[in-house]
Amino acid sequence: MNGSHVALKELFNTIWALADQENFAAINKMFQDKRPAEQTPWEMIALLRYSYSIRHHISEYYIYLDSVAQELRLRGLDVERMLFGLPVYSIDRYP
């Protein structure tokens, strides 16, 4: 595994441990600290898909999702295709 995969695996393990403890405030803080401009598309999308099942407990999920959609669009990537299946309700805000 490369460094990016290891870091994501550790992040995912942390998210699930916090979710098991119902510590959604800590998960929210993790989402607040993530900056899509500093992440690869793979990292952004993996985080969104991995945490999808607990998104209703994470108020920052949709804010991060919007930021990811905007960042992908700025990079000239196919946002609709890359985020297919995710609740991208505000994607039209980024022409």
PDB file of N, CA and C in Angstrom:
ATOM      1  N   MET A   1       0.839  -1.191   0.000  1.00  0.00           N
ATOM      2  CA  MET A   1       0.000   0.000   0.000  1.00  0.00           C
ATOM      3  C   MET A   1       0.879   1.249   0.000  1.00  0.00           C
ATOM      4  N   ASN A   2       0.468   2.232  -0.767  1.00  0.00           N
ATOM      5  CA  ASN A   2       1.236   3.474  -0.738  1.00  0.00           C
ATOM      6  C   ASN A   2       0.771   4.334   0.439  1.00  0.00           C
ATOM      7  N   GLY A   3       1.471   5.440   0.665  1.00  0.00           N
ATOM      8  CA  GLY A   3       1.184   6.300   1.814  1.00  0.00           C
ATOM      9  C   GLY A   3      -0.233   6.835   1.843  1.00  0.00           C
ATOM     10  N   SER A   4      -0.760   7.166   0.667  1.00  0.00           N
ATOM     11  CA  SER A   4      -2.119   7.696   0.581  1.00  0.00           C
ATOM     12  C   SER A   4      -3.142   6.655   1.024  1.00  0.00           C
ATOM     13  N   HIS A   5      -2.935   5.410   0.588  1.00  0.00           N
ATOM     14  CA  HIS A   5      -3.861   4.346   0.975  1.00  0.00           C
ATOM     15  C   HIS A   5      -3.800   4.061   2.465  1.00  0.00           C
ATOM     16  N   VAL A   6      -2.617   4.079   3.012  1.00  0.00           N
ATOM     17  CA  VAL A   6      -2.443   3.846   4.446  1.00  0.00           C
ATOM     18  C   VAL A   6      -3.114   4.950   5.245  1.00  0.00           C
ATOM     19  N   ALA A   7      -2.912   6.192   4.823  1.00  0.00           N
ATOM     20  CA  ALA A   7      -3.530   7.319   5.527  1.00  0.00           C
ATOM     21  C   ALA A   7      -5.051   7.231   5.474  1.00  0.00           C
ATOM     22  N   LEU A   8      -5.591   6.868   4.302  1.00  0.00           N
ATOM     23  CA  LEU A   8      -7.045   6.727   4.192  1.00  0.00           C
ATOM     24  C   LEU A   8      -7.556   5.589   5.065  1.00  0.00           C
ATOM     25  N   LYS A   9      -6.854   4.485   5.072  1.00  0.00           N
ATOM     26  CA  LYS A   9      -7.272   3.354   5.906  1.00  0.00           C
ATOM     27  C   LYS A   9      -7.308   3.760   7.369  1.00  0.00           C
ATOM     28  N   GLU A  10      -6.290   4.497   7.811  1.00  0.00           N
ATOM     29  CA  GLU A  10      -6.267   4.977   9.199  1.00  0.00           C
ATOM     30  C   GLU A  10      -7.415   5.941   9.463  1.00  0.00           C
ATOM     31  N   LEU A  11      -7.686   6.822   8.504  1.00  0.00           N
ATOM     32  CA  LEU A  11      -8.800   7.761   8.641  1.00  0.00           C
ATOM     33  C   LEU A  11     -10.122   7.016   8.748  1.00  0.00           C
ATOM     34  N   PHE A  12     -10.319   6.018   7.887  1.00  0.00           N
ATOM     35  CA  PHE A  12     -11.556   5.237   7.905  1.00  0.00           C
ATOM     36  C   PHE A  12     -11.716   4.494   9.230  1.00  0.00           C
ATOM     37  N   ASN A  13     -10.629   3.906   9.719  1.00  0.00           N
ATOM     38  CA  ASN A  13     -10.687   3.221  11.012  1.00  0.00           C
ATOM     39  C   ASN A  13     -11.064   4.181  12.127  1.00  0.00           C
ATOM     40  N   THR A  14     -10.520   5.387  12.078  1.00  0.00           N
ATOM     41  CA  THR A  14     -10.840   6.404  13.082  1.00  0.00           C
ATOM     42  C   THR A  14     -12.308   6.805  12.993  1.00  0.00           C
ATOM     43  N   ILE A  15     -12.792   7.020  11.776  1.00  0.00           N
ATOM     44  CA  ILE A  15     -14.200   7.401  11.601  1.00  0.00           C
ATOM     45  C   ILE A  15     -15.116   6.341  12.174  1.00  0.00           C
ATOM     46  N   TRP A  16     -14.855   5.071  11.864  1.00  0.00           N
ATOM     47  CA  TRP A  16     -15.744   4.022  12.372  1.00  0.00           C
ATOM     48  C   TRP A  16     -15.644   3.852  13.874  1.00  0.00           C
ATOM     49  N   ALA A  17     -14.457   4.027  14.428  1.00  0.00           N
ATOM     50  CA  ALA A  17     -14.318   3.947  15.885  1.00  0.00           C
ATOM     51  C   ALA A  17     -15.121   5.059  16.546  1.00  0.00           C
ATOM     52  N   LEU A  18     -15.031   6.265  16.003  1.00  0.00           N
ATOM     53  CA  LEU A  18     -15.795   7.393  16.551  1.00  0.00           C
ATOM     54  C   LEU A  18     -17.298   7.191  16.356  1.00  0.00           C
ATOM     55  N   ALA A  19     -17.690   6.642  15.204  1.00  0.00           N
ATOM     56  CA  ALA A  19     -19.113   6.383  14.952  1.00  0.00           C
ATOM     57  C   ALA A  19     -19.646   5.340  15.933  1.00  0.00           C
ATOM     58  N   ASP A  20     -18.843   4.315  16.216  1.00  0.00           N
ATOM     59  CA  ASP A  20     -19.261   3.303  17.194  1.00  0.00           C
ATOM     60  C   ASP A  20     -19.488   3.922  18.567  1.00  0.00           C
ATOM     61  N   GLN A  21     -18.714   4.963  18.878  1.00  0.00           N
ATOM     62  CA  GLN A  21     -18.862   5.669  20.153  1.00  0.00           C
ATOM     63  C   GLN A  21     -19.902   6.785  20.061  1.00  0.00           C
ATOM     64  N   GLU A  22     -20.498   6.932  18.868  1.00  0.00           N
ATOM     65  CA  GLU A  22     -21.460   8.004  18.581  1.00  0.00           C
ATOM     66  C   GLU A  22     -20.848   9.386  18.840  1.00  0.00           C
ATOM     67  N   ASN A  23     -19.588   9.518  18.545  1.00  0.00           N
ATOM     68  CA  ASN A  23     -18.876  10.786  18.705  1.00  0.00           C
ATOM     69  C   ASN A  23     -18.873  11.517  17.354  1.00  0.00           C
ATOM     70  N   PHE A  24     -20.044  11.936  16.936  1.00  0.00           N
ATOM     71  CA  PHE A  24     -20.195  12.569  15.630  1.00  0.00           C
ATOM     72  C   PHE A  24     -19.616  13.988  15.612  1.00  0.00           C
ATOM     73  N   ALA A  25     -19.492  14.605  16.761  1.00  0.00           N
ATOM     74  CA  ALA A  25     -18.853  15.925  16.816  1.00  0.00           C
ATOM     75  C   ALA A  25     -17.399  15.829  16.368  1.00  0.00           C
ATOM     76  N   ALA A  26     -16.714  14.777  16.769  1.00  0.00           N
ATOM     77  CA  ALA A  26     -15.318  14.589  16.359  1.00  0.00           C
ATOM     78  C   ALA A  26     -15.225  14.311  14.857  1.00  0.00           C
ATOM     79  N   ILE A  27     -16.177  13.558  14.327  1.00  0.00           N
ATOM     80  CA  ILE A  27     -16.189  13.288  12.888  1.00  0.00           C
ATOM     81  C   ILE A  27     -16.472  14.588  12.133  1.00  0.00           C
ATOM     82  N   ASN A  28     -17.400  15.380  12.630  1.00  0.00           N
ATOM     83  CA  ASN A  28     -17.675  16.691  12.025  1.00  0.00           C
ATOM     84  C   ASN A  28     -16.402  17.524  11.960  1.00  0.00           C
ATOM     85  N   LYS A  29     -15.642  17.527  13.028  1.00  0.00           N
ATOM     86  CA  LYS A  29     -14.394  18.290  13.071  1.00  0.00           C
ATOM     87  C   LYS A  29     -13.420  17.780  12.015  1.00  0.00           C
ATOM     88  N   MET A  30     -13.379  16.469  11.828  1.00  0.00           N
ATOM     89  CA  MET A  30     -12.500  15.894  10.811  1.00  0.00           C
ATOM     90  C   MET A  30     -12.894  16.404   9.421  1.00  0.00           C
ATOM     91  N   PHE A  31     -14.192  16.457   9.161  1.00  0.00           N
ATOM     92  CA  PHE A  31     -14.667  16.958   7.864  1.00  0.00           C
ATOM     93  C   PHE A  31     -14.364  18.448   7.715  1.00  0.00           C
ATOM     94  N   GLN A  32     -14.487  19.205   8.786  1.00  0.00           N
ATOM     95  CA  GLN A  32     -14.168  20.636   8.730  1.00  0.00           C
ATOM     96  C   GLN A  32     -12.703  20.863   8.374  1.00  0.00           C
ATOM     97  N   ASP A  33     -11.841  19.985   8.853  1.00  0.00           N
ATOM     98  CA  ASP A  33     -10.405  20.139   8.645  1.00  0.00           C
ATOM     99  C   ASP A  33      -9.934  19.681   7.267  1.00  0.00           C
ATOM    100  N   LYS A  34     -10.762  18.947   6.541  1.00  0.00           N
ATOM    101  CA  LYS A  34     -10.375  18.458   5.218  1.00  0.00           C
ATOM    102  C   LYS A  34     -10.511  19.572   4.196  1.00  0.00           C
ATOM    103  N   ARG A  35      -9.500  19.719   3.359  1.00  0.00           N
ATOM    104  CA  ARG A  35      -9.480  20.729   2.296  1.00  0.00           C
ATOM    105  C   ARG A  35      -9.376  20.024   0.954  1.00  0.00           C
ATOM    106  N   PRO A  36     -10.473  19.972   0.189  1.00  0.00           N
ATOM    107  CA  PRO A  36     -10.436  19.281  -1.096  1.00  0.00           C
ATOM    108  C   PRO A  36      -9.306  19.731  -2.011  1.00  0.00           C
ATOM    109  N   ALA A  37      -8.932  21.000  -1.979  1.00  0.00           N
ATOM    110  CA  ALA A  37      -7.854  21.490  -2.843  1.00  0.00           C
ATOM    111  C   ALA A  37      -6.520  20.817  -2.522  1.00  0.00           C
ATOM    112  N   GLU A  38      -6.407  20.253  -1.325  1.00  0.00           N
ATOM    113  CA  GLU A  38      -5.169  19.597  -0.904  1.00  0.00           C
ATOM    114  C   GLU A  38      -5.235  18.079  -1.033  1.00  0.00           C
ATOM    115  N   GLN A  39      -6.330  17.570  -1.598  1.00  0.00           N
ATOM    116  CA  GLN A  39      -6.525  16.132  -1.712  1.00  0.00           C
ATOM    117  C   GLN A  39      -6.598  15.710  -3.176  1.00  0.00           C
ATOM    118  N   THR A  40      -6.311  14.445  -3.403  1.00  0.00           N
ATOM    119  CA  THR A  40      -6.498  13.900  -4.741  1.00  0.00           C
ATOM    120  C   THR A  40      -7.988  13.615  -4.923  1.00  0.00           C
ATOM    121  N   PRO A  41      -8.461  13.552  -6.165  1.00  0.00           N
ATOM    122  CA  PRO A  41      -9.868  13.182  -6.376  1.00  0.00           C
ATOM    123  C   PRO A  41     -10.210  11.842  -5.721  1.00  0.00           C
ATOM    124  N   TRP A  42      -9.287  10.906  -5.796  1.00  0.00           N
ATOM    125  CA  TRP A  42      -9.516   9.581  -5.219  1.00  0.00           C
ATOM    126  C   TRP A  42      -9.750   9.697  -3.712  1.00  0.00           C
ATOM    127  N   GLU A  43      -8.954  10.503  -3.031  1.00  0.00           N
ATOM    128  CA  GLU A  43      -9.101  10.669  -1.581  1.00  0.00           C
ATOM    129  C   GLU A  43     -10.437  11.317  -1.231  1.00  0.00           C
ATOM    130  N   MET A  44     -10.803  12.371  -1.974  1.00  0.00           N
ATOM    131  CA  MET A  44     -12.066  13.062  -1.705  1.00  0.00           C
ATOM    132  C   MET A  44     -13.263  12.121  -1.858  1.00  0.00           C
ATOM    133  N   ILE A  45     -13.285  11.421  -2.975  1.00  0.00           N
ATOM    134  CA  ILE A  45     -14.422  10.556  -3.279  1.00  0.00           C
ATOM    135  C   ILE A  45     -14.471   9.365  -2.332  1.00  0.00           C
ATOM    136  N   ALA A  46     -13.319   8.817  -2.004  1.00  0.00           N
ATOM    137  CA  ALA A  46     -13.281   7.693  -1.064  1.00  0.00           C
ATOM    138  C   ALA A  46     -13.857   8.099   0.291  1.00  0.00           C
ATOM    139  N   LEU A  47     -13.489   9.277   0.769  1.00  0.00           N
ATOM    140  CA  LEU A  47     -14.006   9.749   2.056  1.00  0.00           C
ATOM    141  C   LEU A  47     -15.521   9.926   2.010  1.00  0.00           C
ATOM    142  N   LEU A  48     -16.020  10.512   0.935  1.00  0.00           N
ATOM    143  CA  LEU A  48     -17.467  10.706   0.806  1.00  0.00           C
ATOM    144  C   LEU A  48     -18.211   9.375   0.750  1.00  0.00           C
ATOM    145  N   ARG A  49     -17.715   8.457  -0.037  1.00  0.00           N
ATOM    146  CA  ARG A  49     -18.401   7.167  -0.180  1.00  0.00           C
ATOM    147  C   ARG A  49     -18.296   6.337   1.092  1.00  0.00           C
ATOM    148  N   TYR A  50     -17.155   6.382   1.736  1.00  0.00           N
ATOM    149  CA  TYR A  50     -16.949   5.590   2.951  1.00  0.00           C
ATOM    150  C   TYR A  50     -17.841   6.067   4.089  1.00  0.00           C
ATOM    151  N   SER A  51     -18.069   7.354   4.171  1.00  0.00           N
ATOM    152  CA  SER A  51     -18.859   7.902   5.278  1.00  0.00           C
ATOM    153  C   SER A  51     -20.324   8.117   4.907  1.00  0.00           C
ATOM    154  N   TYR A  52     -20.715   7.695   3.729  1.00  0.00           N
ATOM    155  CA  TYR A  52     -22.079   7.904   3.233  1.00  0.00           C
ATOM    156  C   TYR A  52     -23.139   7.374   4.204  1.00  0.00           C
ATOM    157  N   SER A  53     -22.902   6.212   4.757  1.00  0.00           N
ATOM    158  CA  SER A  53     -23.932   5.584   5.603  1.00  0.00           C
ATOM    159  C   SER A  53     -24.186   6.331   6.917  1.00  0.00           C
ATOM    160  N   ILE A  54     -23.260   7.202   7.318  1.00  0.00           N
ATOM    161  CA  ILE A  54     -23.462   7.958   8.557  1.00  0.00           C
ATOM    162  C   ILE A  54     -23.637   9.454   8.278  1.00  0.00           C
ATOM    163  N   ARG A  55     -23.866   9.810   7.029  1.00  0.00           N
ATOM    164  CA  ARG A  55     -23.938  11.221   6.625  1.00  0.00           C
ATOM    165  C   ARG A  55     -25.003  12.006   7.368  1.00  0.00           C
ATOM    166  N   HIS A  56     -26.070  11.361   7.774  1.00  0.00           N
ATOM    167  CA  HIS A  56     -27.145  12.076   8.470  1.00  0.00           C
ATOM    168  C   HIS A  56     -26.741  12.523   9.876  1.00  0.00           C
ATOM    169  N   HIS A  57     -25.667  11.955  10.366  1.00  0.00           N
ATOM    170  CA  HIS A  57     -25.153  12.340  11.684  1.00  0.00           C
ATOM    171  C   HIS A  57     -24.042  13.383  11.586  1.00  0.00           C
ATOM    172  N   ILE A  58     -23.632  13.681  10.357  1.00  0.00           N
ATOM    173  CA  ILE A  58     -22.473  14.554  10.142  1.00  0.00           C
ATOM    174  C   ILE A  58     -22.941  15.791   9.375  1.00  0.00           C
ATOM    175  N   SER A  59     -23.152  16.882  10.074  1.00  0.00           N
ATOM    176  CA  SER A  59     -23.641  18.089   9.396  1.00  0.00           C
ATOM    177  C   SER A  59     -22.636  18.610   8.374  1.00  0.00           C
ATOM    178  N   GLU A  60     -21.365  18.386   8.590  1.00  0.00           N
ATOM    179  CA  GLU A  60     -20.325  18.857   7.669  1.00  0.00           C
ATOM    180  C   GLU A  60     -20.228  18.009   6.399  1.00  0.00           C
ATOM    181  N   TYR A  61     -20.902  16.869   6.371  1.00  0.00           N
ATOM    182  CA  TYR A  61     -20.824  15.986   5.199  1.00  0.00           C
ATOM    183  C   TYR A  61     -21.242  16.731   3.933  1.00  0.00           C
ATOM    184  N   TYR A  62     -22.375  17.392   3.982  1.00  0.00           N
ATOM    185  CA  TYR A  62     -22.901  18.062   2.783  1.00  0.00           C
ATOM    186  C   TYR A  62     -22.082  19.300   2.414  1.00  0.00           C
ATOM    187  N   ILE A  63     -21.502  19.955   3.389  1.00  0.00           N
ATOM    188  CA  ILE A  63     -20.622  21.086   3.116  1.00  0.00           C
ATOM    189  C   ILE A  63     -19.367  20.578   2.407  1.00  0.00           C
ATOM    190  N   TYR A  64     -18.816  19.478   2.910  1.00  0.00           N
ATOM    191  CA  TYR A  64     -17.642  18.874   2.274  1.00  0.00           C
ATOM    192  C   TYR A  64     -17.996  18.380   0.871  1.00  0.00           C
ATOM    193  N   LEU A  65     -19.152  17.772   0.729  1.00  0.00           N
ATOM    194  CA  LEU A  65     -19.604  17.295  -0.581  1.00  0.00           C
ATOM    195  C   LEU A  65     -19.670  18.435  -1.588  1.00  0.00           C
ATOM    196  N   ASP A  66     -20.228  19.549  -1.183  1.00  0.00           N
ATOM    197  CA  ASP A  66     -20.277  20.725  -2.059  1.00  0.00           C
ATOM    198  C   ASP A  66     -18.870  21.200  -2.418  1.00  0.00           C
ATOM    199  N   SER A  67     -17.978  21.211  -1.438  1.00  0.00           N
ATOM    200  CA  SER A  67     -16.601  21.645  -1.688  1.00  0.00           C
ATOM    201  C   SER A  67     -15.896  20.699  -2.657  1.00  0.00           C
ATOM    202  N   VAL A  68     -16.151  19.419  -2.507  1.00  0.00           N
ATOM    203  CA  VAL A  68     -15.558  18.432  -3.414  1.00  0.00           C
ATOM    204  C   VAL A  68     -16.091  18.626  -4.828  1.00  0.00           C
ATOM    205  N   ALA A  69     -17.404  18.793  -4.953  1.00  0.00           N
ATOM    206  CA  ALA A  69     -17.994  19.006  -6.282  1.00  0.00           C
ATOM    207  C   ALA A  69     -17.382  20.235  -6.944  1.00  0.00           C
ATOM    208  N   GLN A  70     -17.235  21.295  -6.193  1.00  0.00           N
ATOM    209  CA  GLN A  70     -16.648  22.519  -6.730  1.00  0.00           C
ATOM    210  C   GLN A  70     -15.193  22.289  -7.130  1.00  0.00           C
ATOM    211  N   GLU A  71     -14.423  21.616  -6.296  1.00  0.00           N
ATOM    212  CA  GLU A  71     -13.012  21.368  -6.583  1.00  0.00           C
ATOM    213  C   GLU A  71     -12.846  20.477  -7.821  1.00  0.00           C
ATOM    214  N   LEU A  72     -13.657  19.453  -7.930  1.00  0.00           N
ATOM    215  CA  LEU A  72     -13.573  18.580  -9.100  1.00  0.00           C
ATOM    216  C   LEU A  72     -13.894  19.353 -10.373  1.00  0.00           C
ATOM    217  N   ARG A  73     -14.892  20.196 -10.291  1.00  0.00           N
ATOM    218  CA  ARG A  73     -15.259  21.014 -11.445  1.00  0.00           C
ATOM    219  C   ARG A  73     -14.121  21.970 -11.808  1.00  0.00           C
ATOM    220  N   LEU A  74     -13.497  22.582 -10.809  1.00  0.00           N
ATOM    221  CA  LEU A  74     -12.364  23.484 -11.064  1.00  0.00           C
ATOM    222  C   LEU A  74     -11.199  22.760 -11.739  1.00  0.00           C
ATOM    223  N   ARG A  75     -11.052  21.497 -11.431  1.00  0.00           N
ATOM    224  CA  ARG A  75      -9.983  20.700 -12.034  1.00  0.00           C
ATOM    225  C   ARG A  75     -10.370  20.183 -13.430  1.00  0.00           C
ATOM    226  N   GLY A  76     -11.575  20.504 -13.862  1.00  0.00           N
ATOM    227  CA  GLY A  76     -12.016  20.089 -15.188  1.00  0.00           C
ATOM    228  C   GLY A  76     -12.449  18.636 -15.272  1.00  0.00           C
ATOM    229  N   LEU A  77     -12.815  18.044 -14.157  1.00  0.00           N
ATOM    230  CA  LEU A  77     -13.220  16.638 -14.125  1.00  0.00           C
ATOM    231  C   LEU A  77     -14.737  16.511 -14.255  1.00  0.00           C
ATOM    232  N   ASP A  78     -15.192  15.343 -14.623  1.00  0.00           N
ATOM    233  CA  ASP A  78     -16.617  15.071 -14.818  1.00  0.00           C
ATOM    234  C   ASP A  78     -17.268  14.820 -13.449  1.00  0.00           C
ATOM    235  N   VAL A  79     -17.775  15.869 -12.858  1.00  0.00           N
ATOM    236  CA  VAL A  79     -18.317  15.808 -11.496  1.00  0.00           C
ATOM    237  C   VAL A  79     -19.484  14.827 -11.402  1.00  0.00           C
ATOM    238  N   GLU A  80     -20.394  14.900 -12.333  1.00  0.00           N
ATOM    239  CA  GLU A  80     -21.575  14.044 -12.285  1.00  0.00           C
ATOM    240  C   GLU A  80     -21.187  12.568 -12.316  1.00  0.00           C
ATOM    241  N   ARG A  81     -20.210  12.237 -13.139  1.00  0.00           N
ATOM    242  CA  ARG A  81     -19.762  10.845 -13.251  1.00  0.00           C
ATOM    243  C   ARG A  81     -19.001  10.409 -12.001  1.00  0.00           C
ATOM    244  N   MET A  82     -18.115  11.263 -11.514  1.00  0.00           N
ATOM    245  CA  MET A  82     -17.288  10.892 -10.370  1.00  0.00           C
ATOM    246  C   MET A  82     -18.078  10.779  -9.075  1.00  0.00           C
ATOM    247  N   LEU A  83     -19.123  11.586  -8.942  1.00  0.00           N
ATOM    248  CA  LEU A  83     -19.926  11.563  -7.714  1.00  0.00           C
ATOM    249  C   LEU A  83     -21.262  10.841  -7.910  1.00  0.00           C
ATOM    250  N   PHE A  84     -21.348  10.058  -8.958  1.00  0.00           N
ATOM    251  CA  PHE A  84     -22.585   9.327  -9.249  1.00  0.00           C
ATOM    252  C   PHE A  84     -23.025   8.516  -8.033  1.00  0.00           C
ATOM    253  N   GLY A  85     -24.300   8.653  -7.696  1.00  0.00           N
ATOM    254  CA  GLY A  85     -24.867   7.916  -6.575  1.00  0.00           C
ATOM    255  C   GLY A  85     -24.810   8.656  -5.249  1.00  0.00           C
ATOM    256  N   LEU A  86     -24.041   9.724  -5.185  1.00  0.00           N
ATOM    257  CA  LEU A  86     -23.983  10.521  -3.962  1.00  0.00           C
ATOM    258  C   LEU A  86     -25.018  11.641  -4.047  1.00  0.00           C
ATOM    259  N   PRO A  87     -25.487  12.128  -2.919  1.00  0.00           N
ATOM    260  CA  PRO A  87     -26.540  13.156  -2.915  1.00  0.00           C
ATOM    261  C   PRO A  87     -26.004  14.539  -3.285  1.00  0.00           C
ATOM    262  N   VAL A  88     -25.673  14.721  -4.551  1.00  0.00           N
ATOM    263  CA  VAL A  88     -25.090  15.981  -5.003  1.00  0.00           C
ATOM    264  C   VAL A  88     -26.223  16.915  -5.395  1.00  0.00           C
ATOM    265  N   TYR A  89     -26.920  17.398  -4.407  1.00  0.00           N
ATOM    266  CA  TYR A  89     -28.103  18.215  -4.646  1.00  0.00           C
ATOM    267  C   TYR A  89     -27.767  19.608  -5.141  1.00  0.00           C
ATOM    268  N   SER A  90     -26.548  20.062  -4.932  1.00  0.00           N
ATOM    269  CA  SER A  90     -26.215  21.440  -5.268  1.00  0.00           C
ATOM    270  C   SER A  90     -25.244  21.549  -6.429  1.00  0.00           C
ATOM    271  N   ILE A  91     -25.077  20.472  -7.175  1.00  0.00           N
ATOM    272  CA  ILE A  91     -24.077  20.434  -8.226  1.00  0.00           C
ATOM    273  C   ILE A  91     -24.291  21.504  -9.284  1.00  0.00           C
ATOM    274  N   ASP A  92     -25.534  21.927  -9.496  1.00  0.00           N
ATOM    275  CA  ASP A  92     -25.824  22.935 -10.503  1.00  0.00           C
ATOM    276  C   ASP A  92     -25.317  24.322 -10.112  1.00  0.00           C
ATOM    277  N   ARG A  93     -24.879  24.482  -8.886  1.00  0.00           N
ATOM    278  CA  ARG A  93     -24.342  25.778  -8.455  1.00  0.00           C
ATOM    279  C   ARG A  93     -22.956  26.037  -9.026  1.00  0.00           C
ATOM    280  N   TYR A  94     -22.367  25.025  -9.645  1.00  0.00           N
ATOM    281  CA  TYR A  94     -20.995  25.155 -10.125  1.00  0.00           C
ATOM    282  C   TYR A  94     -20.947  24.982 -11.636  1.00  0.00           C
ATOM    283  N   PRO A  95     -21.267  26.036 -12.368  1.00  0.00           N
ATOM    284  CA  PRO A  95     -21.318  25.926 -13.835  1.00  0.00           C
ATOM    285  C   PRO A  95     -19.948  25.673 -14.453  1.00  0.00           C
TER     286      PRO A  95
END
